Amino acid sequence: MTEFSYHQPETKRLENLGVAIHGQSFANKAITDDLSTAYPNALPGYFNIGLLHTALNGRPSHANYAPCTMPSLLSHGYDYWALGHIHKREILHKKPWVVFSGNLQGRHARETGAKGCSLVKVEEGQVSVTFMPVDVLRWEICQLDVTDVTQADEVVDKARGAVTESLQNVEGRPLALRFIIEGASPVHKKLHSQSDRWTNEIRAAATDAGLGNVWVEKISLKTQAHRANSLQEEGPLGELDYFLRTLPQDGDGLQALCAEFRSLINKLPAEARQSERGGAIDPGNPDTIRRLLNNGVEELLMARLLAH
C-alpha cells in the first residue's frame, strides 16, 4: 500500500508498466480546498492516472470535500482520473476518462444496485473501462403500485412476484429489499387498519419466494384512499381531497396543521386538554393525525361533504 503525502501532490512511477500515478492524501477528514490545481502536469511517455478524493462540483447527500471543476481536471492532460468519495458509480467524461467508481459494497437501502470497481485496460493506446461487480449483498428498493388492486391478498402476490423478478438480476447474491407500497387503491383502508398483519404477510411471502436469499429490511405503506373520478376534478372538494390524500406523506404540512391544533387546544379548559383522560386523542401530534388519516377519517369527511 502506498500513502500519498498530504502536504502536496506526489507522483509515483511504475516503470515496468509505464504508468505515473498522481495523488494527494487529506491532512484531516474535511478538506474544503481545491487540491486539483496543484497537481502536476502529465509526464510524457507514461500513462498518467490522477487519484483524488473529491465531491467535484458537489453531489447530493455528500459533503463537499476537495471541490474542483472538470476543466481543472482535464487541464493536467492525464489519461484517467480515478475519483473517490461519491458512493454511486458515475462516468463523468471520456477521452480522457473521469470516473467515480463508487463504493464496493452497498451499506444501506439508499445505496442500491450493483457495487464494485472499474477494470481499466490499455491496449495500443486505447483505454477501455469495464465495471466489475464485487458486492456480496445487494440492496434494492421495490416500489409496488397497487392502484388497480382490489384485494389485499393481491398485494402479497405482487410482492412475491417482485422478489422472484429481482432475484434474477443479482447473479446469485443475497438481496436486501425495501418495499414501498403505493398508489390510490381500494385496499388502502384495509392495509392501514391491519398494517401489522399485511406487512407480516408481505414479509413472509417475500422470504418464502427468496428461498433463503432475501431479507426484507422495511415495508412502507404509502398508499392513498381510492377516490371516484368526480373528486379528482378541480374545485374545492377536489382540492380538499388532494390535501387529505397527500397530507400523511407531507411532513411540513403535518407540522403546520398540528401547530394550528395546538393553538386551538391551548384555548380549551385544562380538563379538556388532558389527552390521557377518557381516551381522548392528541391532535397536536403528527403521528396521531397520520394514523387517523390512514384509518379512514378522510373518507368519512368526504362522504359527509358529498351528502350535502
Protein backbone atom coordinates (compact mmCIF):
# COMPACT_ATOMS: atom_id res chain seq x y z
CA MET A 1 0.00 0.00 0.00
CA THR A 2 1.22 3.49 -0.87
CA GLU A 3 0.17 6.55 1.10
CA PHE A 4 0.50 9.87 -0.69
CA SER A 5 1.71 12.96 1.13
CA TYR A 6 -0.94 15.34 2.45
CA HIS A 7 1.35 18.36 2.15
CA GLN A 8 1.29 18.45 -1.65
CA PRO A 9 0.58 16.17 -4.63
CA GLU A 10 3.07 13.39 -5.32
CA THR A 11 3.81 11.24 -8.35
CA LYS A 12 4.59 7.52 -8.14
CA ARG A 13 6.10 5.88 -11.22
CA LEU A 14 5.58 2.23 -12.11
CA GLU A 15 8.47 1.98 -14.53
CA ASN A 16 7.81 -1.60 -15.62
CA LEU A 17 4.30 -0.61 -16.69
CA GLY A 18 4.98 2.89 -17.94
CA VAL A 19 2.42 4.30 -15.51
CA ALA A 20 2.56 7.51 -13.47
CA ILE A 21 0.08 7.90 -10.61
CA HIS A 22 -0.52 11.37 -9.18
CA GLY A 23 -2.26 11.82 -5.84
CA GLN A 24 -2.54 13.59 -2.52
CA SER A 25 -3.90 12.49 0.85
CA PHE A 26 -6.07 14.55 3.17
CA ALA A 27 -4.45 16.27 6.14
CA ASN A 28 -7.72 15.84 8.03
CA LYS A 29 -11.21 14.48 7.41
CA ALA A 30 -12.75 17.59 5.88
CA ILE A 31 -10.69 19.30 3.19
CA THR A 32 -12.58 22.12 1.50
CA ASP A 33 -9.78 23.47 -0.71
CA ASP A 34 -9.42 22.61 -4.39
CA LEU A 35 -6.46 20.23 -4.35
CA SER A 36 -6.55 19.58 -8.09
CA THR A 37 -4.99 22.92 -9.03
CA ALA A 38 -1.65 21.89 -7.52
CA TYR A 39 -1.43 18.54 -9.31
CA PRO A 40 1.49 18.30 -11.75
CA ASN A 41 1.06 18.09 -15.50
CA ALA A 42 1.15 14.69 -17.19
CA LEU A 43 4.55 13.03 -17.56
CA PRO A 44 5.45 12.43 -21.22
CA GLY A 45 5.78 8.78 -22.18
CA TYR A 46 3.66 7.49 -19.29
CA PHE A 47 0.05 6.52 -18.85
CA ASN A 48 -0.99 9.16 -16.33
CA ILE A 49 -3.56 8.45 -13.62
CA GLY A 50 -4.88 11.05 -11.19
CA LEU A 51 -6.23 9.96 -7.81
CA LEU A 52 -8.42 12.40 -5.92
CA HIS A 53 -10.95 12.18 -3.11
CA THR A 54 -13.44 14.85 -4.13
CA ALA A 55 -17.07 15.83 -4.47
CA LEU A 56 -16.15 17.55 -7.75
CA ASN A 57 -18.69 20.37 -8.13
CA GLY A 58 -20.96 18.92 -5.44
CA ARG A 59 -23.19 15.89 -5.11
CA PRO A 60 -26.43 15.42 -3.13
CA SER A 61 -26.04 13.89 0.36
CA HIS A 62 -22.24 14.08 0.22
CA ALA A 63 -20.00 16.57 2.00
CA ASN A 64 -18.31 18.95 -0.42
CA TYR A 65 -14.78 17.65 0.11
CA ALA A 66 -11.92 18.96 -2.06
CA PRO A 67 -14.26 20.64 -4.57
CA CYS A 68 -12.93 21.09 -8.09
CA THR A 69 -14.13 21.50 -11.66
CA MET A 70 -13.98 19.33 -14.74
CA PRO A 71 -11.87 21.89 -16.68
CA SER A 72 -9.34 21.85 -13.84
CA LEU A 73 -9.02 18.07 -14.01
CA LEU A 74 -8.77 17.96 -17.79
CA SER A 75 -6.14 20.70 -17.88
CA HIS A 76 -3.49 18.35 -16.46
CA GLY A 77 -3.52 16.09 -19.52
CA TYR A 78 -3.97 12.82 -17.63
CA ASP A 79 -5.28 9.67 -19.30
CA TYR A 80 -7.54 8.66 -16.42
CA TRP A 81 -8.93 10.31 -13.31
CA ALA A 82 -9.96 7.88 -10.56
CA LEU A 83 -12.19 9.84 -8.19
CA GLY A 84 -13.34 8.77 -4.74
CA HIS A 85 -15.82 9.94 -2.08
CA ILE A 86 -19.09 9.59 -4.06
CA HIS A 87 -20.63 6.17 -3.43
CA LYS A 88 -22.62 5.98 -6.66
CA ARG A 89 -20.80 4.92 -9.81
CA GLU A 90 -20.68 7.67 -12.40
CA ILE A 91 -18.75 8.17 -15.63
CA LEU A 92 -18.24 11.91 -15.93
CA HIS A 93 -16.05 12.14 -19.02
CA LYS A 94 -14.45 10.01 -21.73
CA LYS A 95 -11.22 10.75 -23.61
CA PRO A 96 -9.89 11.21 -21.05
CA TRP A 97 -11.82 9.13 -18.60
CA VAL A 98 -13.04 10.74 -15.39
CA VAL A 99 -14.80 8.17 -13.21
CA PHE A 100 -16.37 7.82 -9.80
CA SER A 101 -16.19 4.05 -9.40
CA GLY A 102 -18.48 4.20 -6.35
CA ASN A 103 -18.14 2.06 -3.26
CA LEU A 104 -17.50 -1.66 -3.31
CA GLN A 105 -20.50 -2.62 -1.19
CA GLY A 106 -23.89 -1.01 -0.65
CA ARG A 107 -24.29 -0.26 3.06
CA HIS A 108 -28.00 0.55 3.35
CA ALA A 109 -31.21 0.98 1.36
CA ARG A 110 -30.08 4.29 -0.12
CA GLU A 111 -27.16 2.54 -1.83
CA THR A 112 -28.97 0.27 -4.24
CA GLY A 113 -27.86 -1.66 -7.28
CA ALA A 114 -24.59 -3.29 -8.23
CA LYS A 115 -21.46 -2.05 -6.48
CA GLY A 116 -17.89 -2.70 -7.50
CA CYS A 117 -14.80 -1.34 -9.20
CA SER A 118 -13.60 -0.29 -12.63
CA LEU A 119 -11.27 -2.52 -14.64
CA VAL A 120 -9.15 -0.27 -16.85
CA LYS A 121 -7.35 -1.80 -19.84
CA VAL A 122 -4.89 0.00 -22.10
CA GLU A 123 -4.09 -1.64 -25.42
CA GLU A 124 -2.14 0.19 -28.12
CA GLY A 125 -3.01 3.49 -26.54
CA GLN A 126 -6.74 2.76 -26.40
CA VAL A 127 -8.40 2.85 -23.00
CA SER A 128 -11.40 0.69 -22.11
CA VAL A 129 -13.25 0.74 -18.79
CA THR A 130 -15.35 -2.18 -17.57
CA PHE A 131 -17.48 -2.28 -14.44
CA MET A 132 -16.70 -5.28 -12.22
CA PRO A 133 -19.32 -6.00 -9.51
CA VAL A 134 -17.72 -7.24 -6.29
CA ASP A 135 -20.54 -6.72 -3.77
CA VAL A 136 -21.50 -9.75 -1.71
CA LEU A 137 -25.02 -8.50 -0.91
CA ARG A 138 -27.22 -6.20 -2.96
CA TRP A 139 -29.73 -3.60 -1.83
CA GLU A 140 -32.86 -2.84 -3.82
CA ILE A 141 -35.99 -0.73 -3.37
CA CYS A 142 -39.10 -2.39 -4.77
CA GLN A 143 -41.95 0.02 -5.47
CA LEU A 144 -45.27 -1.77 -5.86
CA ASP A 145 -48.09 0.20 -7.46
CA VAL A 146 -51.35 -1.25 -6.14
CA THR A 147 -53.66 1.32 -7.73
CA ASP A 148 -55.71 -1.35 -9.52
CA VAL A 149 -55.58 -3.93 -6.73
CA THR A 150 -58.96 -4.72 -5.17
CA GLN A 151 -57.98 -7.41 -2.65
CA ALA A 152 -55.23 -7.19 -0.03
CA ASP A 153 -54.12 -10.74 -0.87
CA GLU A 154 -53.20 -9.46 -4.33
CA VAL A 155 -50.67 -7.10 -2.76
CA VAL A 156 -48.98 -10.09 -1.16
CA ASP A 157 -48.93 -11.89 -4.53
CA LYS A 158 -47.42 -8.83 -6.23
CA ALA A 159 -44.69 -8.71 -3.59
CA ARG A 160 -43.93 -12.39 -4.12
CA GLY A 161 -43.64 -11.87 -7.87
CA ALA A 162 -41.43 -8.82 -7.42
CA VAL A 163 -38.99 -10.84 -5.32
CA THR A 164 -38.75 -13.55 -7.97
CA GLU A 165 -38.05 -10.93 -10.62
CA SER A 166 -35.48 -9.08 -8.50
CA LEU A 167 -33.52 -12.25 -7.77
CA GLN A 168 -32.96 -12.75 -11.50
CA ASN A 169 -30.84 -9.58 -11.57
CA VAL A 170 -28.48 -10.12 -8.63
CA GLU A 171 -26.41 -13.02 -10.01
CA GLY A 172 -26.88 -15.31 -7.03
CA ARG A 173 -26.20 -12.71 -4.36
CA PRO A 174 -28.33 -12.31 -1.24
CA LEU A 175 -30.82 -9.48 -1.61
CA ALA A 176 -31.73 -6.86 0.99
CA LEU A 177 -35.08 -5.45 -0.04
CA ARG A 178 -37.20 -2.47 0.93
CA PHE A 179 -40.82 -2.47 -0.21
CA ILE A 180 -42.73 0.74 -0.87
CA ILE A 181 -46.42 0.01 -1.41
CA GLU A 182 -48.05 2.97 -3.16
CA GLY A 183 -50.99 4.09 -5.25
CA ALA A 184 -54.56 5.32 -4.70
CA SER A 185 -56.06 1.91 -4.09
CA PRO A 186 -59.33 0.32 -2.95
CA VAL A 187 -57.27 -1.72 -0.43
CA HIS A 188 -55.77 1.37 1.23
CA LYS A 189 -58.00 1.30 4.30
CA LYS A 190 -57.61 -2.44 4.82
CA LEU A 191 -53.83 -2.30 4.56
CA HIS A 192 -53.53 0.52 7.08
CA SER A 193 -56.19 -0.65 9.53
CA GLN A 194 -54.45 -4.04 9.75
CA SER A 195 -50.94 -2.90 8.94
CA ASP A 196 -49.17 -5.43 11.19
CA ARG A 197 -50.99 -8.32 9.58
CA TRP A 198 -50.33 -7.28 6.00
CA THR A 199 -46.72 -6.22 6.46
CA ASN A 200 -46.06 -9.57 8.13
CA GLU A 201 -47.76 -11.41 5.27
CA ILE A 202 -45.75 -9.47 2.69
CA ARG A 203 -42.55 -10.18 4.61
CA ALA A 204 -43.35 -13.88 4.87
CA ALA A 205 -44.21 -14.14 1.16
CA ALA A 206 -41.00 -12.35 0.18
CA THR A 207 -38.91 -14.56 2.42
CA ASP A 208 -40.58 -17.67 1.03
CA ALA A 209 -40.07 -16.57 -2.58
CA GLY A 210 -36.46 -15.68 -1.82
CA LEU A 211 -35.56 -19.24 -0.83
CA GLY A 212 -33.29 -18.01 1.94
CA ASN A 213 -31.60 -15.32 -0.15
CA VAL A 214 -33.89 -12.36 0.65
CA TRP A 215 -34.04 -10.17 3.73
CA VAL A 216 -36.86 -7.61 3.86
CA GLU A 217 -35.38 -4.54 5.53
CA LYS A 218 -38.57 -2.48 5.64
CA ILE A 219 -42.11 -2.30 4.29
CA SER A 220 -43.53 1.20 3.83
CA LEU A 221 -47.26 1.54 3.26
CA LYS A 222 -47.66 4.75 1.29
CA THR A 223 -50.97 4.08 -0.38
CA GLN A 224 -53.77 6.60 -0.60
CA ALA A 225 -57.51 6.15 -0.46
CA HIS A 226 -59.19 5.39 -3.76
CA ARG A 227 -61.38 8.22 -4.99
CA ALA A 228 -64.15 8.50 -7.53
CA ASN A 229 -63.22 10.44 -10.66
CA SER A 230 -65.57 13.26 -9.68
CA LEU A 231 -63.40 14.07 -6.68
CA GLN A 232 -60.28 14.41 -8.77
CA GLU A 233 -61.63 17.33 -10.72
CA GLU A 234 -60.76 20.93 -9.98
CA GLY A 235 -62.76 22.77 -7.35
CA PRO A 236 -62.97 22.99 -3.55
CA LEU A 237 -63.81 19.31 -3.00
CA GLY A 238 -61.08 18.18 -5.36
CA GLU A 239 -58.53 20.39 -3.63
CA LEU A 240 -59.60 19.15 -0.19
CA ASP A 241 -59.47 15.56 -1.39
CA TYR A 242 -55.93 16.03 -2.72
CA PHE A 243 -54.85 17.71 0.51
CA LEU A 244 -56.17 14.87 2.67
CA ARG A 245 -54.65 12.17 0.48
CA THR A 246 -51.18 13.72 0.38
CA LEU A 247 -51.02 15.02 3.95
CA PRO A 248 -49.76 11.75 5.56
CA GLN A 249 -46.59 11.98 3.42
CA ASP A 250 -46.18 15.75 3.87
CA GLY A 251 -44.08 16.24 7.00
CA ASP A 252 -44.10 20.03 6.82
CA GLY A 253 -47.84 20.09 6.19
CA LEU A 254 -48.48 17.83 9.19
CA GLN A 255 -46.36 20.02 11.43
CA ALA A 256 -48.20 23.15 10.29
CA LEU A 257 -51.60 21.54 10.86
CA CYS A 258 -50.58 20.29 14.30
CA ALA A 259 -49.37 23.77 15.22
CA GLU A 260 -52.85 25.08 14.38
CA PHE A 261 -54.43 22.34 16.50
CA ARG A 262 -52.11 23.06 19.43
CA SER A 263 -53.04 26.73 19.30
CA LEU A 264 -56.71 25.75 19.45
CA ILE A 265 -56.13 23.19 22.22
CA ASN A 266 -54.39 25.79 24.39
CA LYS A 267 -57.61 27.81 24.40
CA LEU A 268 -59.60 24.90 25.87
CA PRO A 269 -60.18 24.35 29.60
CA ALA A 270 -57.41 22.42 31.32
CA GLU A 271 -59.55 19.32 31.86
CA ALA A 272 -60.29 19.12 28.13
CA ARG A 273 -56.59 19.28 27.26
CA GLN A 274 -55.66 16.08 29.08
CA SER A 275 -55.31 13.60 26.21
CA GLU A 276 -54.71 10.80 28.72
CA ARG A 277 -58.21 11.13 30.17
CA GLY A 278 -61.21 9.44 28.71
CA GLY A 279 -59.27 8.04 25.74
CA ALA A 280 -59.10 11.43 24.02
CA ILE A 281 -56.81 11.77 21.03
CA ASP A 282 -53.97 14.26 20.75
CA PRO A 283 -54.50 16.27 17.53
CA GLY A 284 -51.28 18.17 18.18
CA ASN A 285 -49.25 15.03 17.48
CA PRO A 286 -48.31 14.42 13.78
CA ASP A 287 -48.39 10.64 14.30
CA THR A 288 -51.96 10.89 15.59
CA ILE A 289 -53.08 12.88 12.54
CA ARG A 290 -51.31 10.48 10.18
CA ARG A 291 -52.89 7.46 11.86
CA LEU A 292 -56.38 8.97 11.70
CA LEU A 293 -55.99 9.85 8.03
CA ASN A 294 -54.74 6.38 7.17
CA ASN A 295 -57.60 4.78 9.09
CA GLY A 296 -60.38 6.40 7.11
CA VAL A 297 -61.08 9.81 8.60
CA GLU A 298 -60.77 11.44 5.19
CA GLU A 299 -63.30 9.01 3.71
CA LEU A 300 -65.79 9.87 6.46
CA LEU A 301 -65.25 13.60 5.98
CA MET A 302 -65.61 13.47 2.20
CA ALA A 303 -68.73 11.28 2.45
CA ARG A 304 -70.39 13.83 4.73
CA LEU A 305 -69.46 16.72 2.45
CA LEU A 306 -70.79 14.90 -0.61
CA ALA A 307 -74.03 14.13 1.21
CA HIS A 308 -74.68 17.85 1.39
